[in-house]
Protein backbone atom coordinates (compact mmCIF):
# COMPACT_ATOMS: atom_id res chain seq x y z
CA UNK A 1 0.09 -0.22 0.03
CA UNK A 2 1.40 3.10 -0.94
CA UNK A 3 1.34 5.76 2.09
CA UNK A 4 0.95 9.52 1.74
CA UNK A 5 1.98 12.81 3.33
CA UNK A 6 0.30 15.92 2.52
CA UNK A 7 2.35 18.86 3.37
CA UNK A 8 0.83 22.87 3.56
CA UNK A 9 3.30 25.28 3.69
CA UNK A 10 3.17 28.93 3.21
CA UNK A 11 4.51 32.26 5.36
CA UNK A 12 3.03 33.47 8.51
CA UNK A 13 -0.29 34.83 8.29
CA UNK A 14 -1.34 33.14 4.80
CA UNK A 15 -3.78 30.93 6.49
CA UNK A 16 -2.39 27.53 6.50
CA UNK A 17 -4.35 26.46 9.76
CA UNK A 18 -7.33 27.37 8.45
CA UNK A 19 -6.72 24.92 5.36
CA UNK A 20 -5.60 22.48 6.99
CA UNK A 21 -8.64 22.46 9.18
CA UNK A 22 -10.66 22.35 5.88
CA UNK A 23 -8.89 19.37 4.17
CA UNK A 24 -8.42 17.40 7.35
CA UNK A 25 -12.18 17.21 7.79
CA UNK A 26 -12.70 16.53 4.10
CA UNK A 27 -10.35 13.61 3.87
CA UNK A 28 -9.90 12.61 7.35
CA UNK A 29 -6.49 14.04 8.18
CA UNK A 30 -4.55 14.86 11.44
CA UNK A 31 -2.81 18.03 11.36
CA UNK A 32 0.73 17.62 12.52
CA UNK A 33 2.81 20.95 13.57
CA UNK A 34 5.82 21.92 11.51
CA UNK A 35 6.44 25.32 12.89
CA UNK A 36 9.32 25.86 14.92
CA UNK A 37 7.66 28.11 17.75
CA UNK A 38 4.08 26.65 17.91
CA UNK A 39 5.71 23.42 19.71
CA UNK A 40 6.18 25.45 22.93
CA UNK A 41 3.24 25.26 25.56
CA UNK A 42 3.87 29.11 26.96
CA UNK A 43 3.43 30.92 23.80
CA UNK A 44 -0.57 30.47 22.72
CA UNK A 45 -0.98 33.83 21.62
CA UNK A 46 2.66 34.66 20.61
CA UNK A 47 2.86 32.13 18.15
CA UNK A 48 -0.66 32.51 16.81
CA UNK A 49 -1.21 28.63 17.66
CA UNK A 50 -4.88 27.60 16.59
CA UNK A 51 -7.03 28.28 19.27
CA UNK A 52 -9.00 25.78 21.12
CA UNK A 53 -12.16 26.14 18.87
CA UNK A 54 -10.03 25.26 15.71
CA UNK A 55 -7.98 22.44 17.80
CA UNK A 56 -11.48 20.85 18.36
CA UNK A 57 -12.54 20.76 14.71
CA UNK A 58 -9.86 18.31 13.65
CA UNK A 59 -6.72 16.38 15.18
CA UNK A 60 -3.83 18.32 15.75
CA UNK A 61 -0.44 17.25 17.30
CA UNK A 62 2.85 18.67 18.02
CA UNK A 63 1.23 21.72 19.50
CA UNK A 64 2.45 23.24 22.36
CA UNK A 65 4.29 19.98 23.80
CA UNK A 66 7.53 21.38 25.03
CA UNK A 67 8.52 24.09 27.85
CA UNK A 68 10.18 27.28 26.36
CA UNK A 69 13.12 26.12 28.28
CA UNK A 70 13.52 22.90 26.32
CA UNK A 71 14.67 23.83 22.68
CA UNK A 72 13.24 21.78 19.61
CA UNK A 73 15.78 20.90 17.11
CA UNK A 74 15.42 19.92 13.55
CA UNK A 75 16.31 16.23 14.60
CA UNK A 76 13.95 16.09 17.31
CA UNK A 77 11.15 17.72 15.67
CA UNK A 78 11.79 14.94 12.50
CA UNK A 79 11.59 12.30 15.24
CA UNK A 80 8.61 13.41 16.53
CA UNK A 81 6.84 13.73 13.40
CA UNK A 82 7.77 10.65 11.95
CA UNK A 83 5.96 9.03 14.82
CA UNK A 84 3.17 10.89 14.55
CA UNK A 85 3.29 10.63 10.64
CA UNK A 86 2.73 6.35 11.04
CA UNK A 87 0.70 6.68 13.83
CA UNK A 88 -2.20 8.65 11.36
CA UNK A 89 -0.97 5.49 8.90
CA UNK A 90 -2.33 2.82 11.37
CA UNK A 91 -5.32 4.85 12.17
CA UNK A 92 -5.98 4.98 8.26
CA UNK A 93 -5.90 8.63 8.24
CA UNK A 94 -4.01 11.34 5.99
CA UNK A 95 -0.81 12.99 7.81
CA UNK A 96 -1.06 16.64 6.68
CA UNK A 97 2.15 18.64 7.77
CA UNK A 98 1.38 22.43 8.38
CA UNK A 99 3.85 25.18 8.79
CA UNK A 100 6.54 27.55 7.33
CA UNK A 101 9.97 26.45 9.28
CA UNK A 102 11.92 25.87 6.10
CA UNK A 103 14.27 23.57 7.76
CA UNK A 104 11.88 21.34 9.32
CA UNK A 105 9.84 20.66 6.16
CA UNK A 106 13.21 20.14 4.07
CA UNK A 107 14.26 17.43 6.79
CA UNK A 108 11.00 15.48 6.28
CA UNK A 109 11.18 15.43 2.54
CA UNK A 110 14.99 14.96 1.97
CA UNK A 111 16.34 13.87 5.44
CA UNK A 112 19.25 14.99 7.64
CA UNK A 113 22.70 14.35 7.14
CA UNK A 114 24.30 12.12 9.98
CA UNK A 115 26.75 13.90 11.98
CA UNK A 116 28.72 12.17 14.91
CA UNK A 117 28.04 12.97 18.23
CA UNK A 118 29.78 15.67 19.71
CA UNK A 119 31.30 15.15 23.13
CA UNK A 120 29.58 17.50 25.65
CA UNK A 121 32.87 19.06 26.60
CA UNK A 122 33.22 20.59 23.38
CA UNK A 123 29.50 21.64 23.30
CA UNK A 124 30.40 23.61 26.51
CA UNK A 125 33.18 25.24 25.18
CA UNK A 126 31.39 26.33 21.96
CA UNK A 127 28.85 27.72 24.49
CA UNK A 128 30.78 29.42 26.59
CA UNK A 129 32.96 31.18 23.96
CA UNK A 130 29.84 32.24 22.45
CA UNK A 131 28.50 33.70 25.83
CA UNK A 132 32.23 35.49 26.07
CA UNK A 133 32.49 36.61 22.51
CA UNK A 134 28.90 37.36 21.43
CA UNK A 135 27.08 36.80 18.35
CA UNK A 136 29.14 38.97 15.95
CA UNK A 137 32.76 37.81 17.35
CA UNK A 138 31.95 34.67 17.46
CA UNK A 139 30.89 34.49 14.07
CA UNK A 140 34.14 35.88 13.26
CA UNK A 141 36.06 33.18 14.99
CA UNK A 142 33.68 30.73 12.96
CA UNK A 143 34.67 31.95 9.92
CA UNK A 144 38.42 31.07 10.38
CA UNK A 145 37.57 27.14 10.91
CA UNK A 146 34.25 27.16 8.71
CA UNK A 147 33.89 30.21 6.50
CA UNK A 148 30.67 28.85 4.64
CA UNK A 149 28.96 28.39 7.61
CA UNK A 150 29.74 31.49 8.94
CA UNK A 151 28.69 33.46 5.75
CA UNK A 152 25.42 31.44 5.79
CA UNK A 153 24.54 31.66 9.56
CA UNK A 154 23.01 35.26 11.06
CA UNK A 155 25.10 36.82 13.82
CA UNK A 156 21.96 36.63 15.87
CA UNK A 157 21.44 32.62 15.22
CA UNK A 158 22.97 31.38 18.26
CA UNK A 159 21.83 27.78 17.93
CA UNK A 160 23.15 27.29 14.67
CA UNK A 161 26.34 29.09 15.19
CA UNK A 162 27.30 27.20 18.06
CA UNK A 163 26.43 24.10 16.25
CA UNK A 164 28.48 24.77 13.48
CA UNK A 165 31.26 25.66 15.48
CA UNK A 166 31.00 22.71 17.42
CA UNK A 167 30.67 20.07 14.84
CA UNK A 168 34.15 21.22 12.82
CA UNK A 169 35.54 21.44 16.09
CA UNK A 170 35.11 17.98 17.14
CA UNK A 171 35.41 16.36 13.75
CA UNK A 172 37.48 18.24 11.46
CA UNK A 173 34.83 18.78 8.99
CA UNK A 174 32.31 21.43 8.52
CA UNK A 175 28.57 20.91 8.39
CA UNK A 176 28.53 21.63 4.54
CA UNK A 177 31.27 18.99 4.26
CA UNK A 178 29.34 16.66 6.25
CA UNK A 179 26.06 16.80 4.25
CA UNK A 180 28.10 16.84 0.64
CA UNK A 181 30.24 13.95 2.03
CA UNK A 182 27.28 12.07 3.67
CA UNK A 183 24.21 12.69 1.54
CA UNK A 184 21.11 12.06 3.50
CA UNK A 185 17.80 10.29 2.29
CA UNK A 186 14.12 10.79 2.95
CA UNK A 187 13.24 9.45 6.12
CA UNK A 188 9.90 7.86 5.03
CA UNK A 189 8.99 5.63 1.87
CA UNK A 190 5.97 7.79 1.05
CA UNK A 191 4.19 9.82 -1.81
CA UNK A 192 4.45 13.35 -0.58
CA UNK A 193 1.77 16.35 -1.77
CA UNK A 194 3.00 19.78 -1.31
CA UNK A 195 0.49 22.81 -1.22
CA UNK A 196 2.08 25.93 -0.84
CA UNK A 197 0.35 29.75 0.25
CA UNK A 198 2.07 32.33 -1.50
CA UNK A 199 -0.18 35.39 -1.31
CA UNK A 200 0.61 39.10 -2.71
CA UNK A 201 3.04 40.85 -0.65
CA UNK A 202 0.68 43.76 0.15
CA UNK A 203 -2.02 41.14 1.13
CA UNK A 204 0.14 39.25 3.16
CA UNK A 205 1.57 42.36 4.96
CA UNK A 206 -1.93 43.58 5.75
CA UNK A 207 -2.64 40.29 7.29
CA UNK A 208 0.47 40.35 9.36
CA UNK A 209 -0.40 43.81 10.89
CA UNK A 210 -3.96 42.97 11.71
CA UNK A 211 -2.63 39.25 13.22
CA UNK A 212 -0.44 41.24 15.52
CA UNK A 213 -3.10 43.54 16.69
CA UNK A 214 -5.28 40.84 17.42
CA UNK A 215 -2.52 39.21 19.57
CA UNK A 216 -1.82 42.15 21.33
CA UNK A 217 -5.55 42.34 21.98
CA UNK A 218 -5.78 38.99 23.19
CA UNK A 219 -2.85 38.53 25.81
CA UNK A 220 0.49 38.72 23.91
CA UNK A 221 1.88 41.09 26.46
CA UNK A 222 0.74 38.89 29.32
CA UNK A 223 2.42 35.97 27.97
CA UNK A 224 5.45 38.13 27.58
CA UNK A 225 5.65 38.95 31.02
CA UNK A 226 5.08 35.50 32.08
CA UNK A 227 7.90 34.64 29.97
CA UNK A 228 10.33 37.47 31.27
CA UNK A 229 9.39 36.28 35.14
CA UNK A 230 10.82 32.90 34.23
CA UNK A 231 14.37 34.33 33.98
CA UNK A 232 15.24 32.64 30.77
CA UNK A 233 18.30 32.38 28.68
CA UNK A 234 17.67 35.13 26.05
CA UNK A 235 19.83 32.63 23.70
CA UNK A 236 17.06 29.93 23.81
CA UNK A 237 15.14 29.88 20.53
CA UNK A 238 11.55 30.78 22.21
CA UNK A 239 13.22 34.35 23.56
CA UNK A 240 14.26 35.06 19.78
CA UNK A 241 10.69 34.44 18.50
CA UNK A 242 9.19 37.14 16.16
CA UNK A 243 7.73 40.16 18.74
CA UNK A 244 9.11 38.43 21.79
CA UNK A 245 12.38 40.80 22.02
CA UNK A 246 10.38 43.92 21.05
CA UNK A 247 7.66 43.44 23.50
CA UNK A 248 10.29 42.55 26.26
CA UNK A 249 11.75 46.05 25.69
CA UNK A 250 8.51 47.22 26.79
CA UNK A 251 8.96 45.69 30.05
CA UNK A 252 12.31 46.59 30.49
CA UNK A 253 11.74 50.33 29.79
CA UNK A 254 13.89 50.37 26.51
CA UNK A 255 10.87 51.07 24.47
CA UNK A 256 7.03 52.33 24.90
CA UNK A 257 4.61 50.35 23.70
CA UNK A 258 3.53 51.76 20.08
CA UNK A 259 7.20 51.86 19.03
CA UNK A 260 7.35 48.03 20.19
CA UNK A 261 4.25 46.96 18.41
CA UNK A 262 5.31 48.78 15.18
CA UNK A 263 8.91 47.09 15.54
CA UNK A 264 7.45 43.72 16.05
CA UNK A 265 5.17 44.24 13.09
CA UNK A 266 8.12 45.32 10.96
CA UNK A 267 10.14 42.08 11.94
CA UNK A 268 7.04 39.96 11.68
CA UNK A 269 6.93 41.23 7.85
CA UNK A 270 10.60 40.79 7.30
CA UNK A 271 10.42 36.94 8.50
CA UNK A 272 7.49 36.44 6.31
CA UNK A 273 9.51 37.92 3.34
CA UNK A 274 12.21 35.48 4.26
CA UNK A 275 9.82 32.36 4.36
CA UNK A 276 8.30 33.56 0.89
CA UNK A 277 11.94 33.55 -0.29
CA UNK A 278 12.84 30.17 1.20
CA UNK A 279 9.44 28.60 -0.10
CA UNK A 280 9.65 29.85 -3.66
CA UNK A 281 13.29 28.92 -3.93
CA UNK A 282 13.82 25.95 -2.09
CA UNK A 283 10.45 23.96 -1.75
CA UNK A 284 9.30 21.85 -4.73
CA UNK A 285 5.50 22.51 -4.55
CA UNK A 286 2.65 20.55 -6.74
CA UNK A 287 0.04 23.03 -6.16
CA UNK A 288 0.83 27.09 -5.29
CA UNK A 289 -1.65 29.34 -4.48
CA UNK A 290 -0.96 33.07 -4.86
CA UNK A 291 -3.59 34.05 -2.49
CA UNK A 292 -4.43 33.55 1.30
CA UNK A 293 -6.46 30.83 2.01
CA UNK A 294 -10.33 31.36 2.02
CA UNK A 295 -13.14 28.96 1.29
CA UNK A 296 -13.43 30.04 -2.27
CA UNK A 297 -10.23 28.31 -2.99
CA UNK A 298 -11.51 24.94 -1.45
CA UNK A 299 -13.02 23.78 -4.88
CA UNK A 300 -9.49 23.48 -6.59
CA UNK A 301 -7.64 22.47 -3.35
CA UNK A 302 -10.02 19.58 -2.50
CA UNK A 303 -9.57 18.67 -6.45
CA UNK A 304 -6.01 18.36 -5.99
CA UNK A 305 -6.15 16.46 -2.91
CA UNK A 306 -8.71 13.97 -4.09
CA UNK A 307 -6.02 13.26 -7.14
CA UNK A 308 -3.33 12.92 -4.89
CA UNK A 309 -4.94 10.38 -2.93
CA UNK A 310 -5.74 8.20 -5.80
CA UNK A 311 -1.87 8.47 -7.27
CA UNK A 312 -0.35 5.43 -7.86
CA UNK A 313 3.30 4.96 -6.42
CA UNK A 314 6.21 4.19 -8.73
C-alpha cells in the first residue's frame, strides 16, 4: 500500500491553519505542526497557535508540547513528526504537515545528513565561547574554521552558530562538508503532496499587521511578561521568536508600547518575506496558490488532494 503525506506550507499569516482544518475534515486527516515556535506551551498567542475552537475541529499533533526552556532541534522535531505520521497511517488517516519552518520541511522531504555525536565538553566549550564573545565576534571566530557556515548563519542565530562551531571543532569537517560527503535520504517511504500558499506581498503584510493587533488584544503582552518572569536564557529559540524581544523591551523600559508594536510588526513582515523567499526557491511544490486561504479556494484544493489520494506510487 502506498502511504501518503500532505504538506501545507506558507509564510506566517497566509491561512495555513485554516486550510489544514478544511482538508482534514474533508479527507479524514491529522494535522501535524511544522512550526518551530508553535511547539512551545507558553506561547499560545505569541505564535498564533490555533485556538481551542479550531483544535476541536480536527486532530492536531505537536502543538504546545515542550516548555520554552526545552529547545526543539530539527532532528528532534523530525523524530516526533515521523511517529505522528506513522500513527496516522496506522489509524487510516492522512497526515497533514502544516508550517513555514523551512528546515523542518526540508528534513522531512530530504532527510538529515548524519553527523557524529559531539562530546559534551566540546559543546560546553563552544557555548562558553559564544557567551564570552557575543554573536558577531563568535561568528568571526567560526569564519576561521568554517567560512561557509559563518557566511550563511546570521550573527543572531545562536543555536546554529554554536552547532556549526562544535561540529567542525569535534570532527575536523564543517557541516557543509558533512552534508556533501554523507548525503541524506528521505526518512519515510511515502508519496508527498505539497500545497504552498504564497499571497501577494501587500495582502500578506496587511494580514501580518492585523494579526499582530489581534494578538495584542488577546494577551500577547501577558505571555511576554510570564516569559520574562521565568528569567530564561535569552539565547533560547523561544526567546527570540518574532515579537518577543520587541515586547520585552517594553517591560525593561527600553521602548514605549507603540514603538515596540511597530517594531514587532516590521520584524514579522521581514520574517514573512524570508519565508516567502525560501519557499519559492527551496521547496518543490505541486500546487501553488497566490492568495491567502479562503473558502473560495476549496474546490481547487480539494480537487488536488482528491487526485493526490488516488496517485499510484512508482
